[in-house]
Protein backbone atom coordinates (compact mmCIF):
# COMPACT_ATOMS: atom_id res chain seq x y z
CA MET A 1 140.67 163.72 83.66
CA SER A 2 141.31 160.01 83.40
CA ALA A 3 140.76 157.54 86.20
CA GLU A 4 142.56 154.30 86.63
CA ILE A 5 140.61 151.26 87.66
CA ALA A 6 142.48 149.12 90.09
CA SER A 7 142.53 145.44 89.25
CA PRO A 8 141.27 143.13 91.96
CA VAL A 9 143.85 141.55 94.19
CA MET A 10 144.03 137.83 93.52
CA ASP A 11 144.56 135.45 96.37
CA PRO A 12 147.76 133.57 95.49
CA SER A 13 146.41 130.40 97.11
CA VAL A 14 143.68 130.20 94.50
CA ASP A 15 145.44 129.36 91.26
CA ASN A 16 142.41 128.14 89.42
CA LEU A 17 138.80 128.25 90.57
CA THR A 18 138.07 125.17 88.51
CA ASP A 19 140.31 123.16 90.82
CA LYS A 20 138.26 124.29 93.80
CA PHE A 21 134.99 123.25 92.19
CA GLU A 22 136.05 120.00 90.55
CA GLY A 23 133.86 117.97 92.92
CA LEU A 24 130.70 119.73 91.77
CA HIS A 25 128.54 118.23 89.05
CA THR A 26 128.24 120.24 85.88
CA GLU A 27 126.33 119.69 82.66
CA ASP A 28 129.09 117.33 81.55
CA GLN A 29 128.87 115.32 84.79
CA GLN A 30 125.22 114.42 85.31
CA ARG A 31 124.33 112.25 88.30
CA THR A 32 123.00 108.82 87.58
CA ASP A 33 119.68 107.60 88.95
CA GLU A 34 121.62 105.38 91.34
CA GLU A 35 123.59 108.36 92.68
CA TYR A 36 120.37 110.31 93.26
CA ALA A 37 118.81 107.30 94.98
CA GLN A 38 121.73 107.10 97.42
CA THR A 39 121.81 110.83 98.25
CA GLN A 40 120.50 111.80 101.69
CA LEU A 41 117.61 114.21 101.52
CA THR A 42 115.43 115.92 104.13
CA LEU A 43 111.85 116.94 103.42
CA ARG A 44 109.57 118.77 105.82
CA ALA A 45 105.81 119.17 105.72
CA ILE A 46 103.37 121.19 107.79
CA VAL A 47 100.72 118.99 109.42
CA THR A 48 97.94 119.82 111.86
CA SER A 49 98.24 118.64 115.45
CA LYS A 50 95.51 116.07 114.76
CA GLU A 51 97.41 114.75 111.74
CA ALA A 52 100.61 114.68 113.79
CA GLY A 53 98.86 112.50 116.34
CA VAL A 54 97.80 110.09 113.61
CA ILE A 55 101.31 110.01 112.15
CA ILE A 56 102.93 109.43 115.55
CA GLY A 57 100.37 106.89 116.76
CA LYS A 58 99.83 105.48 120.22
CA ALA A 59 103.16 105.50 122.12
CA GLY A 60 104.96 106.43 118.86
CA GLN A 61 104.18 103.09 117.24
CA ASN A 62 103.11 104.46 113.85
CA VAL A 63 106.20 106.56 113.28
CA ALA A 64 108.38 103.67 114.50
CA ASP A 65 106.68 101.36 111.99
CA LEU A 66 107.20 103.98 109.28
CA ARG A 67 110.93 104.13 110.07
CA ASP A 68 111.23 100.33 110.05
CA ARG A 69 109.37 99.93 106.75
CA THR A 70 111.16 102.66 104.81
CA GLY A 71 114.56 103.04 106.47
CA VAL A 72 114.12 106.80 106.95
CA ARG A 73 114.52 108.97 110.02
CA ALA A 74 111.15 110.53 110.69
CA GLY A 75 109.65 112.63 113.42
CA VAL A 76 107.17 115.34 114.25
CA SER A 77 108.08 118.57 116.03
CA LYS A 78 106.99 119.17 119.60
CA VAL A 79 103.80 120.98 120.47
CA VAL A 80 104.23 124.74 120.73
CA PRO A 81 101.55 126.48 122.82
CA GLY A 82 99.27 128.56 120.61
CA VAL A 83 100.50 126.93 117.39
CA HIS A 84 98.11 124.49 115.76
CA ASP A 85 100.52 123.09 113.18
CA ARG A 86 103.57 120.88 113.56
CA VAL A 87 106.44 119.95 111.27
CA LEU A 88 106.90 116.43 109.93
CA THR A 89 110.58 115.84 109.08
CA VAL A 90 111.67 112.85 107.00
CA THR A 91 115.34 112.21 106.19
CA GLY A 92 116.77 109.40 104.13
CA HIS A 93 117.39 108.14 100.64
CA LEU A 94 115.07 109.28 97.88
CA THR A 95 113.27 105.95 97.57
CA GLY A 96 112.69 105.70 101.32
CA ILE A 97 111.42 109.26 101.57
CA SER A 98 109.02 108.84 98.68
CA GLU A 99 107.72 105.61 100.18
CA ALA A 100 107.38 107.23 103.62
CA TYR A 101 105.46 110.24 102.28
CA GLY A 102 103.24 107.91 100.29
CA LEU A 103 102.45 105.88 103.43
CA VAL A 104 101.78 109.01 105.47
CA ALA A 105 99.51 110.51 102.82
CA ASP A 106 97.68 107.24 102.34
CA GLY A 107 97.37 106.78 106.08
CA LEU A 108 95.94 110.24 106.61
CA LEU A 109 93.43 109.83 103.80
CA LYS A 110 92.31 106.32 104.71
CA GLY A 111 92.79 106.22 108.46
CA ALA A 112 95.93 104.11 107.95
CA PRO A 113 94.99 100.55 108.71
CA GLN A 114 98.20 99.39 106.95
CA VAL A 115 100.60 101.33 109.12
CA GLY A 116 98.29 101.45 112.11
CA MET A 117 97.77 105.19 111.99
CA GLY A 118 95.46 105.21 114.98
CA GLY A 119 92.25 104.68 113.05
CA MET A 120 91.49 108.42 113.09
CA ALA A 121 89.97 109.30 109.76
CA ALA A 122 90.93 112.72 108.46
CA THR A 123 89.25 114.59 105.66
CA PRO A 124 91.32 115.38 102.54
CA SER A 125 90.50 119.09 102.76
CA THR A 126 92.53 119.42 105.97
CA HIS A 127 95.76 117.95 104.56
CA ARG A 128 98.77 120.05 103.73
CA MET A 129 101.57 117.59 102.95
CA CYS A 130 103.61 120.41 101.43
CA SER A 131 103.96 123.93 102.68
CA CYS A 132 104.32 125.12 99.06
CA ASP A 133 101.55 127.50 98.02
């Protein structure tokens, strides 16, 4: 007994898949460093409520200073009852994000006199700047 295998029905509107994906970068079309630097990126990190307070600062001054210095959009999630961690979200160009994360990390480790991170010293063992384990 022989069985015939039906060929898949092709959508006539799709003549060539390559045409549909021509905007994507392939091995032949690598992005330049400048293109990567101009791409918008969002990074999130888990921080403790204490760290969030240091990052935000009195009346939001620290996070406002961070935005002004680096050109990123940055914020910390709202407090959720019973949850001790919050989410730091930073969106912007690669250079701004890397500078912002550097300032936040430095501020948390040193008490942030440069960015005015509230003067609350935190110990390095409590920091989780990345939720990657």
